[in-house]
Amino acid sequence: GTTINGGDEPIQPFVPVPLRDGDRVHVGAWT
C-alpha cells in the first residue's frame, strides 16, 4: 500500500489522490 502524511490506512488502488506542497507519500517499509 501507499499512505499519505502518515495515515494509518492505505489509499485505494487506482484512485488518484491530489497532493499539496509538502505532502508526504509513504511507500514500502521506510521510504
PDB file of all heavy atoms in Angstrom:
ATOM      1  N   GLY A   1       0.786  -1.223   0.000  1.00  0.00           N
ATOM      2  CA  GLY A   1       0.000   0.000   0.000  1.00  0.00           C
ATOM      3  C   GLY A   1       0.819   1.275   0.000  1.00  0.00           C
ATOM      4  O   GLY A   1       2.042   1.269   0.120  1.00  0.00           O
ATOM      5  N   THR A   2       0.098   2.370  -0.134  1.00  0.00           N
ATOM      6  CA  THR A   2       0.661   3.720  -0.155  1.00  0.00           C
ATOM      7  C   THR A   2      -0.172   4.553   0.802  1.00  0.00           C
ATOM      8  O   THR A   2      -1.404   4.497   0.745  1.00  0.00           O
ATOM      9  CB  THR A   2       0.573   4.314  -1.579  1.00  0.00           C
ATOM     10  OG1 THR A   2       1.304   3.461  -2.478  1.00  0.00           O
ATOM     11  CG2 THR A   2       1.113   5.720  -1.636  1.00  0.00           C
ATOM     12  N   THR A   3       0.495   5.302   1.662  1.00  0.00           N
ATOM     13  CA  THR A   3      -0.227   6.187   2.567  1.00  0.00           C
ATOM     14  C   THR A   3       0.252   7.622   2.366  1.00  0.00           C
ATOM     15  O   THR A   3       1.318   7.861   1.799  1.00  0.00           O
ATOM     16  CB  THR A   3      -0.049   5.784   4.053  1.00  0.00           C
ATOM     17  OG1 THR A   3       1.334   5.855   4.398  1.00  0.00           O
ATOM     18  CG2 THR A   3      -0.578   4.382   4.315  1.00  0.00           C
ATOM     19  N   ILE A   4      -0.564   8.551   2.833  1.00  0.00           N
ATOM     20  CA  ILE A   4      -0.255   9.977   2.705  1.00  0.00           C
ATOM     21  C   ILE A   4      -0.150  10.580   4.103  1.00  0.00           C
ATOM     22  O   ILE A   4      -1.021  10.349   4.950  1.00  0.00           O
ATOM     23  CB  ILE A   4      -1.375  10.714   1.917  1.00  0.00           C
ATOM     24  CG1 ILE A   4      -1.691  10.013   0.599  1.00  0.00           C
ATOM     25  CG2 ILE A   4      -1.016  12.186   1.706  1.00  0.00           C
ATOM     26  CD1 ILE A   4      -0.597  10.021  -0.408  1.00  0.00           C
ATOM     27  N   ASN A   5       0.909  11.351   4.312  1.00  0.00           N
ATOM     28  CA  ASN A   5       1.103  12.111   5.557  1.00  0.00           C
ATOM     29  C   ASN A   5       0.960  11.270   6.822  1.00  0.00           C
ATOM     30  O   ASN A   5       0.382  11.711   7.811  1.00  0.00           O
ATOM     31  CB  ASN A   5       0.148  13.313   5.599  1.00  0.00           C
ATOM     32  CG  ASN A   5       0.458  14.299   4.494  1.00  0.00           C
ATOM     33  OD1 ASN A   5       1.603  14.477   4.111  1.00  0.00           O
ATOM     34  ND2 ASN A   5      -0.576  14.918   3.953  1.00  0.00           N
ATOM     35  N   GLY A   6       1.470  10.054   6.779  1.00  0.00           N
ATOM     36  CA  GLY A   6       1.468   9.206   7.964  1.00  0.00           C
ATOM     37  C   GLY A   6       0.132   8.573   8.292  1.00  0.00           C
ATOM     38  O   GLY A   6      -0.062   8.067   9.394  1.00  0.00           O
ATOM     39  N   GLY A   7      -0.797   8.591   7.342  1.00  0.00           N
ATOM     40  CA  GLY A   7      -2.111   7.988   7.577  1.00  0.00           C
ATOM     41  C   GLY A   7      -2.008   6.510   7.911  1.00  0.00           C
ATOM     42  O   GLY A   7      -1.080   5.828   7.490  1.00  0.00           O
ATOM     43  N   ASP A   8      -2.975   6.030   8.672  1.00  0.00           N
ATOM     44  CA  ASP A   8      -2.981   4.620   9.074  1.00  0.00           C
ATOM     45  C   ASP A   8      -3.462   3.697   7.971  1.00  0.00           C
ATOM     46  O   ASP A   8      -3.015   2.558   7.873  1.00  0.00           O
ATOM     47  CB  ASP A   8      -3.885   4.421  10.297  1.00  0.00           C
ATOM     48  CG  ASP A   8      -3.293   5.032  11.549  1.00  0.00           C
ATOM     49  OD1 ASP A   8      -2.047   5.086  11.653  1.00  0.00           O
ATOM     50  OD2 ASP A   8      -4.076   5.474  12.406  1.00  0.00           O
ATOM     51  N   GLU A   9      -4.379   4.175   7.142  1.00  0.00           N
ATOM     52  CA  GLU A   9      -4.965   3.334   6.093  1.00  0.00           C
ATOM     53  C   GLU A   9      -4.389   3.697   4.730  1.00  0.00           C
ATOM     54  O   GLU A   9      -4.295   4.872   4.371  1.00  0.00           O
ATOM     55  CB  GLU A   9      -6.476   3.505   6.068  1.00  0.00           C
ATOM     56  CG  GLU A   9      -7.167   2.951   7.299  1.00  0.00           C
ATOM     57  CD  GLU A   9      -6.936   1.453   7.472  1.00  0.00           C
ATOM     58  OE1 GLU A   9      -7.024   0.709   6.474  1.00  0.00           O
ATOM     59  OE2 GLU A   9      -6.659   1.045   8.614  1.00  0.00           O
ATOM     60  N   PRO A  10      -4.022   2.686   3.942  1.00  0.00           N
ATOM     61  CA  PRO A  10      -3.523   2.948   2.589  1.00  0.00           C
ATOM     62  C   PRO A  10      -4.615   3.564   1.709  1.00  0.00           C
ATOM     63  O   PRO A  10      -5.807   3.333   1.927  1.00  0.00           O
ATOM     64  CB  PRO A  10      -3.145   1.577   2.057  1.00  0.00           C
ATOM     65  CG  PRO A  10      -3.135   0.663   3.228  1.00  0.00           C
ATOM     66  CD  PRO A  10      -4.014   1.266   4.270  1.00  0.00           C
ATOM     67  N   ILE A  11      -4.179   4.313   0.708  1.00  0.00           N
ATOM     68  CA  ILE A  11      -5.129   4.862  -0.258  1.00  0.00           C
ATOM     69  C   ILE A  11      -5.650   3.723  -1.126  1.00  0.00           C
ATOM     70  O   ILE A  11      -5.030   2.672  -1.242  1.00  0.00           O
ATOM     71  CB  ILE A  11      -4.496   5.979  -1.116  1.00  0.00           C
ATOM     72  CG1 ILE A  11      -3.327   5.443  -1.950  1.00  0.00           C
ATOM     73  CG2 ILE A  11      -4.058   7.142  -0.227  1.00  0.00           C
ATOM     74  CD1 ILE A  11      -2.745   6.460  -2.930  1.00  0.00           C
ATOM     75  N   GLN A  12      -6.797   3.942  -1.750  1.00  0.00           N
ATOM     76  CA  GLN A  12      -7.390   2.914  -2.614  1.00  0.00           C
ATOM     77  C   GLN A  12      -6.575   2.768  -3.889  1.00  0.00           C
ATOM     78  O   GLN A  12      -6.156   3.768  -4.486  1.00  0.00           O
ATOM     79  CB  GLN A  12      -8.811   3.298  -2.971  1.00  0.00           C
ATOM     80  CG  GLN A  12      -9.779   3.086  -1.846  1.00  0.00           C
ATOM     81  CD  GLN A  12     -11.103   2.624  -2.414  1.00  0.00           C
ATOM     82  OE1 GLN A  12     -11.690   3.280  -3.232  1.00  0.00           O
ATOM     83  NE2 GLN A  12     -11.542   1.466  -1.967  1.00  0.00           N
ATOM     84  N   PRO A  13      -6.351   1.533  -4.338  1.00  0.00           N
ATOM     85  CA  PRO A  13      -5.626   1.329  -5.595  1.00  0.00           C
ATOM     86  C   PRO A  13      -6.351   1.976  -6.777  1.00  0.00           C
ATOM     87  O   PRO A  13      -7.580   1.992  -6.826  1.00  0.00           O
ATOM     88  CB  PRO A  13      -5.592  -0.194  -5.751  1.00  0.00           C
ATOM     89  CG  PRO A  13      -5.798  -0.728  -4.379  1.00  0.00           C
ATOM     90  CD  PRO A  13      -6.675   0.273  -3.682  1.00  0.00           C
ATOM     91  N   PHE A  14      -5.573   2.520  -7.677  1.00  0.00           N
ATOM     92  CA  PHE A  14      -6.024   3.069  -8.961  1.00  0.00           C
ATOM     93  C   PHE A  14      -6.896   4.318  -8.831  1.00  0.00           C
ATOM     94  O   PHE A  14      -7.526   4.724  -9.805  1.00  0.00           O
ATOM     95  CB  PHE A  14      -6.729   2.002  -9.813  1.00  0.00           C
ATOM     96  CG  PHE A  14      -5.903   0.749  -9.979  1.00  0.00           C
ATOM     97  CD1 PHE A  14      -6.340  -0.464  -9.463  1.00  0.00           C
ATOM     98  CD2 PHE A  14      -4.681   0.788 -10.635  1.00  0.00           C
ATOM     99  CE1 PHE A  14      -5.579  -1.624  -9.595  1.00  0.00           C
ATOM    100  CE2 PHE A  14      -3.915  -0.355 -10.785  1.00  0.00           C
ATOM    101  CZ  PHE A  14      -4.364  -1.561 -10.270  1.00  0.00           C
ATOM    102  N   VAL A  15      -6.952   4.936  -7.653  1.00  0.00           N
ATOM    103  CA  VAL A  15      -7.726   6.157  -7.439  1.00  0.00           C
ATOM    104  C   VAL A  15      -6.757   7.309  -7.201  1.00  0.00           C
ATOM    105  O   VAL A  15      -6.036   7.299  -6.197  1.00  0.00           O
ATOM    106  CB  VAL A  15      -8.693   6.015  -6.237  1.00  0.00           C
ATOM    107  CG1 VAL A  15      -9.441   7.318  -5.995  1.00  0.00           C
ATOM    108  CG2 VAL A  15      -9.658   4.861  -6.463  1.00  0.00           C
ATOM    109  N   PRO A  16      -6.703   8.303  -8.097  1.00  0.00           N
ATOM    110  CA  PRO A  16      -5.771   9.421  -7.910  1.00  0.00           C
ATOM    111  C   PRO A  16      -6.121  10.223  -6.651  1.00  0.00           C
ATOM    112  O   PRO A  16      -7.280  10.549  -6.417  1.00  0.00           O
ATOM    113  CB  PRO A  16      -5.973  10.285  -9.156  1.00  0.00           C
ATOM    114  CG  PRO A  16      -6.671   9.417 -10.142  1.00  0.00           C
ATOM    115  CD  PRO A  16      -7.448   8.409  -9.352  1.00  0.00           C
ATOM    116  N   VAL A  17      -5.092  10.504  -5.844  1.00  0.00           N
ATOM    117  CA  VAL A  17      -5.249  11.318  -4.642  1.00  0.00           C
ATOM    118  C   VAL A  17      -4.418  12.588  -4.845  1.00  0.00           C
ATOM    119  O   VAL A  17      -3.189  12.509  -4.932  1.00  0.00           O
ATOM    120  CB  VAL A  17      -4.781  10.556  -3.383  1.00  0.00           C
ATOM    121  CG1 VAL A  17      -4.852  11.454  -2.156  1.00  0.00           C
ATOM    122  CG2 VAL A  17      -5.598   9.289  -3.190  1.00  0.00           C
ATOM    123  N   PRO A  18      -5.076  13.754  -4.961  1.00  0.00           N
ATOM    124  CA  PRO A  18      -4.338  15.005  -5.183  1.00  0.00           C
ATOM    125  C   PRO A  18      -3.380  15.297  -4.030  1.00  0.00           C
ATOM    126  O   PRO A  18      -3.678  15.011  -2.864  1.00  0.00           O
ATOM    127  CB  PRO A  18      -5.435  16.070  -5.250  1.00  0.00           C
ATOM    128  CG  PRO A  18      -6.691  15.319  -5.548  1.00  0.00           C
ATOM    129  CD  PRO A  18      -6.517  13.960  -4.927  1.00  0.00           C
ATOM    130  N   LEU A  19      -2.227  15.851  -4.378  1.00  0.00           N
ATOM    131  CA  LEU A  19      -1.197  16.180  -3.402  1.00  0.00           C
ATOM    132  C   LEU A  19      -0.999  17.687  -3.323  1.00  0.00           C
ATOM    133  O   LEU A  19      -1.094  18.378  -4.332  1.00  0.00           O
ATOM    134  CB  LEU A  19       0.124  15.514  -3.789  1.00  0.00           C
ATOM    135  CG  LEU A  19       0.112  13.990  -3.859  1.00  0.00           C
ATOM    136  CD1 LEU A  19       1.394  13.476  -4.489  1.00  0.00           C
ATOM    137  CD2 LEU A  19      -0.087  13.401  -2.469  1.00  0.00           C
ATOM    138  N   ARG A  20      -0.709  18.152  -2.109  1.00  0.00           N
ATOM    139  CA  ARG A  20      -0.388  19.562  -1.901  1.00  0.00           C
ATOM    140  C   ARG A  20       1.104  19.690  -1.630  1.00  0.00           C
ATOM    141  O   ARG A  20       1.767  18.708  -1.270  1.00  0.00           O
ATOM    142  CB  ARG A  20      -1.171  20.111  -0.711  1.00  0.00           C
ATOM    143  CG  ARG A  20      -2.677  20.096  -0.926  1.00  0.00           C
ATOM    144  CD  ARG A  20      -3.365  20.533   0.325  1.00  0.00           C
ATOM    145  NE  ARG A  20      -2.860  19.686   1.419  1.00  0.00           N
ATOM    146  CZ  ARG A  20      -3.552  19.276   2.445  1.00  0.00           C
ATOM    147  NH1 ARG A  20      -4.780  19.641   2.597  1.00  0.00           N
ATOM    148  NH2 ARG A  20      -3.025  18.502   3.362  1.00  0.00           N
ATOM    149  N   ASP A  21       1.612  20.889  -1.743  1.00  0.00           N
ATOM    150  CA  ASP A  21       3.010  21.157  -1.454  1.00  0.00           C
ATOM    151  C   ASP A  21       3.327  20.690  -0.031  1.00  0.00           C
ATOM    152  O   ASP A  21       2.613  21.023   0.911  1.00  0.00           O
ATOM    153  CB  ASP A  21       3.290  22.654  -1.597  1.00  0.00           C
ATOM    154  CG  ASP A  21       4.757  22.983  -1.437  1.00  0.00           C
ATOM    155  OD1 ASP A  21       5.592  22.283  -2.042  1.00  0.00           O
ATOM    156  OD2 ASP A  21       5.076  23.932  -0.698  1.00  0.00           O
ATOM    157  N   GLY A  22       4.367  19.876   0.103  1.00  0.00           N
ATOM    158  CA  GLY A  22       4.782  19.383   1.407  1.00  0.00           C
ATOM    159  C   GLY A  22       4.165  18.062   1.816  1.00  0.00           C
ATOM    160  O   GLY A  22       4.557  17.489   2.837  1.00  0.00           O
ATOM    161  N   ASP A  23       3.195  17.539   1.040  1.00  0.00           N
ATOM    162  CA  ASP A  23       2.610  16.241   1.379  1.00  0.00           C
ATOM    163  C   ASP A  23       3.686  15.157   1.314  1.00  0.00           C
ATOM    164  O   ASP A  23       4.591  15.199   0.474  1.00  0.00           O
ATOM    165  CB  ASP A  23       1.471  15.875   0.426  1.00  0.00           C
ATOM    166  CG  ASP A  23       0.145  16.496   0.828  1.00  0.00           C
ATOM    167  OD1 ASP A  23       0.045  17.066   1.936  1.00  0.00           O
ATOM    168  OD2 ASP A  23      -0.802  16.408   0.023  1.00  0.00           O
ATOM    169  N   ARG A  24       3.565  14.177   2.204  1.00  0.00           N
ATOM    170  CA  ARG A  24       4.499  13.060   2.278  1.00  0.00           C
ATOM    171  C   ARG A  24       3.801  11.786   1.831  1.00  0.00           C
ATOM    172  O   ARG A  24       2.786  11.393   2.409  1.00  0.00           O
ATOM    173  CB  ARG A  24       5.040  12.923   3.704  1.00  0.00           C
ATOM    174  CG  ARG A  24       5.836  14.141   4.147  1.00  0.00           C
ATOM    175  CD  ARG A  24       6.223  14.118   5.618  1.00  0.00           C
ATOM    176  NE  ARG A  24       5.316  13.458   6.540  1.00  0.00           N
ATOM    177  CZ  ARG A  24       4.221  14.000   7.076  1.00  0.00           C
ATOM    178  NH1 ARG A  24       3.880  15.228   6.763  1.00  0.00           N
ATOM    179  NH2 ARG A  24       3.480  13.317   7.915  1.00  0.00           N
ATOM    180  N   VAL A  25       4.368  11.147   0.809  1.00  0.00           N
ATOM    181  CA  VAL A  25       3.841   9.894   0.270  1.00  0.00           C
ATOM    182  C   VAL A  25       4.720   8.777   0.816  1.00  0.00           C
ATOM    183  O   VAL A  25       5.929   8.767   0.605  1.00  0.00           O
ATOM    184  CB  VAL A  25       3.871   9.901  -1.280  1.00  0.00           C
ATOM    185  CG1 VAL A  25       3.379   8.576  -1.838  1.00  0.00           C
ATOM    186  CG2 VAL A  25       3.064  11.075  -1.826  1.00  0.00           C
ATOM    187  N   HIS A  26       4.109   7.836   1.549  1.00  0.00           N
ATOM    188  CA  HIS A  26       4.848   6.746   2.173  1.00  0.00           C
ATOM    189  C   HIS A  26       4.623   5.469   1.371  1.00  0.00           C
ATOM    190  O   HIS A  26       3.481   5.051   1.169  1.00  0.00           O
ATOM    191  CB  HIS A  26       4.380   6.540   3.615  1.00  0.00           C
ATOM    192  CG  HIS A  26       4.459   7.796   4.432  1.00  0.00           C
ATOM    193  ND1 HIS A  26       5.624   8.252   4.992  1.00  0.00           N
ATOM    194  CD2 HIS A  26       3.514   8.701   4.755  1.00  0.00           C
ATOM    195  CE1 HIS A  26       5.395   9.379   5.639  1.00  0.00           C
ATOM    196  NE2 HIS A  26       4.112   9.684   5.503  1.00  0.00           N
ATOM    197  N   VAL A  27       5.730   4.857   0.940  1.00  0.00           N
ATOM    198  CA  VAL A  27       5.691   3.588   0.207  1.00  0.00           C
ATOM    199  C   VAL A  27       6.692   2.641   0.852  1.00  0.00           C
ATOM    200  O   VAL A  27       7.696   3.070   1.429  1.00  0.00           O
ATOM    201  CB  VAL A  27       6.005   3.766  -1.294  1.00  0.00           C
ATOM    202  CG1 VAL A  27       4.971   4.641  -1.977  1.00  0.00           C
ATOM    203  CG2 VAL A  27       7.391   4.342  -1.515  1.00  0.00           C
ATOM    204  N   GLY A  28       6.426   1.359   0.761  1.00  0.00           N
ATOM    205  CA  GLY A  28       7.368   0.381   1.282  1.00  0.00           C
ATOM    206  C   GLY A  28       7.488   0.418   2.789  1.00  0.00           C
ATOM    207  O   GLY A  28       6.589   0.847   3.500  1.00  0.00           O
ATOM    208  N   ALA A  29       8.632  -0.060   3.282  1.00  0.00           N
ATOM    209  CA  ALA A  29       8.857  -0.159   4.719  1.00  0.00           C
ATOM    210  C   ALA A  29       9.302   1.155   5.326  1.00  0.00           C
ATOM    211  O   ALA A  29       8.956   1.459   6.452  1.00  0.00           O
ATOM    212  CB  ALA A  29       9.883  -1.248   5.010  1.00  0.00           C
ATOM    213  N   TRP A  30      10.075   1.956   4.562  1.00  0.00           N
ATOM    214  CA  TRP A  30      10.619   3.169   5.181  1.00  0.00           C
ATOM    215  C   TRP A  30      10.733   4.354   4.241  1.00  0.00           C
ATOM    216  O   TRP A  30      11.183   5.425   4.637  1.00  0.00           O
ATOM    217  CB  TRP A  30      11.991   2.895   5.786  1.00  0.00           C
ATOM    218  CG  TRP A  30      12.991   2.374   4.791  1.00  0.00           C
ATOM    219  CD1 TRP A  30      13.607   3.063   3.778  1.00  0.00           C
ATOM    220  CD2 TRP A  30      13.507   1.054   4.737  1.00  0.00           C
ATOM    221  NE1 TRP A  30      14.450   2.247   3.083  1.00  0.00           N
ATOM    222  CE2 TRP A  30      14.418   1.003   3.661  1.00  0.00           C
ATOM    223  CE3 TRP A  30      13.301  -0.089   5.492  1.00  0.00           C
ATOM    224  CZ2 TRP A  30      15.114  -0.156   3.312  1.00  0.00           C
ATOM    225  CZ3 TRP A  30      13.997  -1.240   5.145  1.00  0.00           C
ATOM    226  CH2 TRP A  30      14.885  -1.263   4.060  1.00  0.00           C
ATOM    227  N   THR A  31      10.314   4.228   3.023  1.00  0.00           N
ATOM    228  CA  THR A  31      10.527   5.306   2.055  1.00  0.00           C
ATOM    229  C   THR A  31       9.420   6.356   2.142  1.00  0.00           C
ATOM    230  O   THR A  31       8.237   6.028   2.126  1.00  0.00           O
ATOM    231  CB  THR A  31      10.589   4.732   0.623  1.00  0.00           C
ATOM    232  OG1 THR A  31      11.663   3.793   0.566  1.00  0.00           O
ATOM    233  CG2 THR A  31      10.804   5.839  -0.381  1.00  0.00           C
TER     234      THR A  31
END
